[in-house]
Amino acid sequence: MSMPRRHQICRVGKSAFLNHHQRLRLVGGVNPDGAWWTITEAAAIAGIEGKRWSFFVTHQGRQFDVIVATSKYGSKYLMTTLDRLQPEGLLALPECRQ
C-alpha cells in the first residue's frame, strides 16, 4: 500500500456555527505547481480516513499533523495535533478566497 500524499493546509473556509465540530467548511493549500486547491472538510476527512491524503499545518516553524477528531455528539471534524478540543490551529489560518 502506498503512503498517503502529504499536503500543507494554509487557509480555511469558516462557517458561522459556534460548535467546534461545525466551524470549518473548507481547507486549502498550494500544489507544487503553485496552483491553489480547496476541498471541503468532509472530503479531507474522507481522504485521511481512506489513507489517500495526510495534512499538516506549520506553526512557528514546526509542522503539526491534521487529524480527524470526533465530538461528544459523534460528529467528525478536523483539528491539529497541537489543539486540545477546538481546532484553533486551523481556525487561526487565513480565510479562503472563494
N, C-alpha and C. Protein backbone atom coordinates (compact mmCIF):
# COMPACT_ATOMS: atom_id res chain seq x y z
N MET A 1 0.84 -1.18 0.00
CA MET A 1 0.00 0.00 0.00
C MET A 1 0.88 1.24 0.00
N SER A 2 0.53 2.22 -0.81
CA SER A 2 1.34 3.43 -0.91
C SER A 2 1.05 4.37 0.26
N MET A 3 2.00 5.24 0.50
CA MET A 3 1.85 6.24 1.55
C MET A 3 0.87 7.31 1.09
N PRO A 4 0.09 7.85 2.02
CA PRO A 4 -0.82 8.95 1.65
C PRO A 4 -0.02 10.17 1.19
N ARG A 5 -0.56 10.87 0.21
CA ARG A 5 0.08 12.12 -0.22
C ARG A 5 -0.09 13.17 0.86
N ARG A 6 1.00 13.89 1.16
CA ARG A 6 1.01 14.86 2.26
C ARG A 6 0.85 16.27 1.70
N HIS A 7 -0.06 17.02 2.31
CA HIS A 7 -0.37 18.37 1.85
C HIS A 7 -0.41 19.32 3.04
N GLN A 8 0.12 20.52 2.82
CA GLN A 8 0.04 21.56 3.85
C GLN A 8 -1.25 22.34 3.68
N ILE A 9 -1.99 22.50 4.77
CA ILE A 9 -3.17 23.36 4.79
C ILE A 9 -2.70 24.73 5.24
N CYS A 10 -2.98 25.74 4.41
CA CYS A 10 -2.54 27.10 4.77
C CYS A 10 -3.67 28.11 4.71
N ARG A 11 -4.90 27.63 4.47
CA ARG A 11 -6.07 28.51 4.52
C ARG A 11 -7.31 27.66 4.78
N VAL A 12 -8.34 28.30 5.29
CA VAL A 12 -9.58 27.59 5.63
C VAL A 12 -10.79 28.44 5.27
N GLY A 13 -11.92 27.78 5.13
CA GLY A 13 -13.21 28.46 5.00
C GLY A 13 -14.00 28.16 6.25
N LYS A 14 -14.46 29.21 6.90
CA LYS A 14 -15.15 29.05 8.19
C LYS A 14 -16.65 29.19 8.02
N SER A 15 -17.38 28.56 8.93
CA SER A 15 -18.84 28.71 8.97
C SER A 15 -19.19 29.68 10.08
N ALA A 16 -20.46 30.00 10.19
CA ALA A 16 -20.93 30.89 11.26
C ALA A 16 -21.26 30.12 12.54
N PHE A 17 -21.17 28.79 12.49
CA PHE A 17 -21.51 27.99 13.66
C PHE A 17 -20.49 28.19 14.78
N LEU A 18 -20.94 28.05 16.01
CA LEU A 18 -20.06 28.22 17.16
C LEU A 18 -19.49 26.89 17.65
N ASN A 19 -20.18 25.78 17.43
CA ASN A 19 -19.69 24.48 17.89
C ASN A 19 -18.39 24.14 17.17
N HIS A 20 -17.40 23.64 17.92
CA HIS A 20 -16.09 23.38 17.34
C HIS A 20 -16.14 22.36 16.20
N HIS A 21 -17.08 21.44 16.24
CA HIS A 21 -17.15 20.43 15.19
C HIS A 21 -17.90 20.93 13.95
N GLN A 22 -18.35 22.18 13.97
CA GLN A 22 -19.06 22.76 12.82
C GLN A 22 -18.40 24.03 12.31
N ARG A 23 -17.22 24.38 12.82
CA ARG A 23 -16.61 25.67 12.50
C ARG A 23 -15.97 25.72 11.11
N LEU A 24 -15.40 24.59 10.65
CA LEU A 24 -14.71 24.58 9.36
C LEU A 24 -15.62 24.10 8.25
N ARG A 25 -15.52 24.71 7.08
CA ARG A 25 -16.23 24.23 5.89
C ARG A 25 -15.24 23.74 4.85
N LEU A 26 -14.14 24.48 4.68
CA LEU A 26 -13.17 24.20 3.63
C LEU A 26 -11.75 24.27 4.18
N VAL A 27 -10.85 23.53 3.55
CA VAL A 27 -9.42 23.66 3.81
C VAL A 27 -8.73 23.78 2.46
N GLY A 28 -7.59 24.45 2.46
CA GLY A 28 -6.90 24.64 1.19
C GLY A 28 -5.42 24.85 1.37
N GLY A 29 -4.72 24.77 0.25
CA GLY A 29 -3.28 24.95 0.24
C GLY A 29 -2.80 25.21 -1.17
N VAL A 30 -1.51 25.00 -1.39
CA VAL A 30 -0.89 25.26 -2.68
C VAL A 30 -0.23 23.98 -3.18
N ASN A 31 -0.49 23.62 -4.43
CA ASN A 31 0.17 22.48 -5.07
C ASN A 31 1.61 22.84 -5.42
N PRO A 32 2.44 21.82 -5.69
CA PRO A 32 3.83 22.10 -6.08
C PRO A 32 3.95 23.01 -7.31
N ASP A 33 2.93 23.00 -8.19
CA ASP A 33 2.98 23.86 -9.38
C ASP A 33 2.50 25.29 -9.10
N GLY A 34 2.16 25.59 -7.84
CA GLY A 34 1.74 26.92 -7.46
C GLY A 34 0.24 27.16 -7.52
N ALA A 35 -0.51 26.18 -8.03
CA ALA A 35 -1.97 26.32 -8.11
C ALA A 35 -2.60 26.07 -6.73
N TRP A 36 -3.57 26.91 -6.38
CA TRP A 36 -4.29 26.73 -5.11
C TRP A 36 -5.28 25.58 -5.24
N TRP A 37 -5.46 24.84 -4.16
CA TRP A 37 -6.50 23.81 -4.09
C TRP A 37 -7.37 24.09 -2.87
N THR A 38 -8.62 23.72 -2.95
CA THR A 38 -9.57 23.86 -1.84
C THR A 38 -10.50 22.67 -1.89
N ILE A 39 -10.72 22.03 -0.74
CA ILE A 39 -11.67 20.93 -0.64
C ILE A 39 -12.52 21.13 0.61
N THR A 40 -13.64 20.43 0.66
CA THR A 40 -14.50 20.53 1.84
C THR A 40 -13.85 19.79 3.01
N GLU A 41 -14.28 20.15 4.19
CA GLU A 41 -13.80 19.44 5.38
C GLU A 41 -14.18 17.96 5.28
N ALA A 42 -15.38 17.66 4.80
CA ALA A 42 -15.82 16.26 4.67
C ALA A 42 -14.91 15.49 3.71
N ALA A 43 -14.49 16.11 2.60
CA ALA A 43 -13.59 15.45 1.66
C ALA A 43 -12.23 15.21 2.30
N ALA A 44 -11.74 16.16 3.08
CA ALA A 44 -10.46 16.00 3.76
C ALA A 44 -10.54 14.85 4.78
N ILE A 45 -11.63 14.79 5.52
CA ILE A 45 -11.82 13.70 6.49
C ILE A 45 -11.83 12.35 5.76
N ALA A 46 -12.58 12.27 4.66
CA ALA A 46 -12.65 11.02 3.88
C ALA A 46 -11.26 10.65 3.35
N GLY A 47 -10.50 11.63 2.90
CA GLY A 47 -9.15 11.37 2.39
C GLY A 47 -8.20 10.87 3.46
N ILE A 48 -8.30 11.43 4.66
CA ILE A 48 -7.47 10.97 5.78
C ILE A 48 -7.87 9.56 6.17
N GLU A 49 -9.16 9.35 6.34
CA GLU A 49 -9.63 8.02 6.77
C GLU A 49 -9.38 6.95 5.71
N GLY A 50 -9.42 7.34 4.43
CA GLY A 50 -9.15 6.41 3.35
C GLY A 50 -7.66 6.26 3.05
N LYS A 51 -6.83 6.96 3.83
CA LYS A 51 -5.37 6.91 3.70
C LYS A 51 -4.88 7.36 2.32
N ARG A 52 -5.67 8.22 1.65
CA ARG A 52 -5.24 8.81 0.38
C ARG A 52 -4.39 10.05 0.62
N TRP A 53 -4.73 10.81 1.66
CA TRP A 53 -4.05 12.07 1.95
C TRP A 53 -3.70 12.14 3.42
N SER A 54 -2.68 12.92 3.72
CA SER A 54 -2.43 13.38 5.08
C SER A 54 -2.18 14.88 4.98
N PHE A 55 -2.50 15.58 6.03
CA PHE A 55 -2.40 17.03 6.03
C PHE A 55 -1.60 17.50 7.23
N PHE A 56 -1.03 18.69 7.10
CA PHE A 56 -0.32 19.31 8.22
C PHE A 56 -0.46 20.82 8.12
N VAL A 57 -0.20 21.49 9.23
CA VAL A 57 -0.10 22.94 9.26
C VAL A 57 1.27 23.28 9.82
N THR A 58 1.74 24.47 9.53
CA THR A 58 3.01 24.94 10.08
C THR A 58 2.71 26.06 11.07
N HIS A 59 3.29 25.94 12.26
CA HIS A 59 3.11 26.95 13.30
C HIS A 59 4.46 27.20 13.94
N GLN A 60 4.93 28.44 13.89
CA GLN A 60 6.22 28.84 14.46
C GLN A 60 7.35 27.94 13.97
N GLY A 61 7.33 27.63 12.66
CA GLY A 61 8.39 26.86 12.05
C GLY A 61 8.32 25.35 12.25
N ARG A 62 7.30 24.87 12.94
CA ARG A 62 7.16 23.43 13.17
C ARG A 62 5.92 22.91 12.46
N GLN A 63 5.96 21.65 12.06
CA GLN A 63 4.82 21.01 11.41
C GLN A 63 3.99 20.24 12.43
N PHE A 64 2.67 20.39 12.32
CA PHE A 64 1.74 19.65 13.16
C PHE A 64 0.74 18.95 12.26
N ASP A 65 0.54 17.66 12.49
CA ASP A 65 -0.40 16.88 11.68
C ASP A 65 -1.83 17.32 11.91
N VAL A 66 -2.64 17.22 10.87
CA VAL A 66 -4.08 17.43 10.97
C VAL A 66 -4.71 16.05 11.12
N ILE A 67 -5.55 15.92 12.11
CA ILE A 67 -6.17 14.63 12.42
C ILE A 67 -7.69 14.75 12.41
N VAL A 68 -8.36 13.61 12.39
CA VAL A 68 -9.81 13.57 12.49
C VAL A 68 -10.17 13.34 13.95
N ALA A 69 -10.98 14.23 14.49
CA ALA A 69 -11.47 14.11 15.86
C ALA A 69 -12.98 13.87 15.80
N THR A 70 -13.52 13.39 16.91
CA THR A 70 -14.97 13.15 17.00
C THR A 70 -15.52 13.92 18.19
N SER A 71 -16.56 14.71 17.96
CA SER A 71 -17.18 15.49 19.04
C SER A 71 -17.97 14.56 19.95
N LYS A 72 -18.38 15.10 21.08
CA LYS A 72 -19.19 14.30 22.00
C LYS A 72 -20.54 13.93 21.41
N TYR A 73 -20.91 14.59 20.30
CA TYR A 73 -22.17 14.30 19.61
C TYR A 73 -21.96 13.28 18.49
N GLY A 74 -20.71 12.84 18.29
CA GLY A 74 -20.41 11.86 17.27
C GLY A 74 -20.07 12.44 15.91
N SER A 75 -19.96 13.77 15.81
CA SER A 75 -19.62 14.42 14.54
C SER A 75 -18.10 14.46 14.37
N LYS A 76 -17.63 14.14 13.19
CA LYS A 76 -16.21 14.18 12.89
C LYS A 76 -15.83 15.58 12.43
N TYR A 77 -14.62 16.00 12.81
CA TYR A 77 -14.10 17.30 12.41
C TYR A 77 -12.58 17.24 12.38
N LEU A 78 -11.97 18.24 11.76
CA LEU A 78 -10.52 18.30 11.68
C LEU A 78 -9.95 19.17 12.79
N MET A 79 -8.79 18.77 13.28
CA MET A 79 -8.03 19.58 14.23
C MET A 79 -6.56 19.19 14.08
N THR A 80 -5.67 19.97 14.68
CA THR A 80 -4.25 19.63 14.61
C THR A 80 -3.83 18.90 15.88
N THR A 81 -2.66 18.26 15.81
CA THR A 81 -2.14 17.58 17.00
C THR A 81 -1.73 18.57 18.08
N LEU A 82 -1.64 19.85 17.74
CA LEU A 82 -1.33 20.89 18.71
C LEU A 82 -2.56 21.32 19.51
N ASP A 83 -3.75 21.11 18.93
CA ASP A 83 -5.00 21.56 19.55
C ASP A 83 -5.44 20.63 20.68
N ARG A 84 -6.30 21.17 21.54
CA ARG A 84 -6.88 20.36 22.61
C ARG A 84 -8.27 19.88 22.22
N LEU A 85 -9.27 20.76 22.24
CA LEU A 85 -10.63 20.39 21.89
C LEU A 85 -11.09 21.14 20.64
N GLN A 86 -10.87 22.44 20.63
CA GLN A 86 -11.25 23.28 19.49
C GLN A 86 -10.15 23.22 18.43
N PRO A 87 -10.52 23.37 17.15
CA PRO A 87 -9.50 23.35 16.10
C PRO A 87 -8.82 24.71 15.91
N GLU A 88 -8.24 25.25 17.01
CA GLU A 88 -7.64 26.59 16.97
C GLU A 88 -6.55 26.70 15.92
N GLY A 89 -5.74 25.67 15.76
CA GLY A 89 -4.64 25.72 14.81
C GLY A 89 -5.12 25.93 13.39
N LEU A 90 -6.25 25.34 13.04
CA LEU A 90 -6.83 25.54 11.71
C LEU A 90 -7.59 26.85 11.63
N LEU A 91 -8.35 27.17 12.65
CA LEU A 91 -9.17 28.39 12.62
C LEU A 91 -8.32 29.66 12.60
N ALA A 92 -7.05 29.57 13.03
CA ALA A 92 -6.17 30.73 13.03
C ALA A 92 -5.60 31.02 11.64
N LEU A 93 -5.79 30.10 10.70
CA LEU A 93 -5.27 30.29 9.34
C LEU A 93 -6.09 31.32 8.59
N PRO A 94 -5.51 31.93 7.55
CA PRO A 94 -6.26 32.90 6.75
C PRO A 94 -7.48 32.27 6.09
N GLU A 95 -8.45 33.12 5.80
CA GLU A 95 -9.70 32.69 5.17
C GLU A 95 -9.48 32.41 3.67
N CYS A 96 -10.10 31.36 3.18
CA CYS A 96 -10.05 31.04 1.75
C CYS A 96 -10.71 32.16 0.94
N ARG A 97 -10.12 32.46 -0.17
CA ARG A 97 -10.76 33.38 -1.13
C ARG A 97 -11.60 32.53 -2.05
N GLN A 98 -12.87 32.81 -2.14
CA GLN A 98 -13.78 31.95 -2.92
C GLN A 98 -13.99 32.53 -4.29
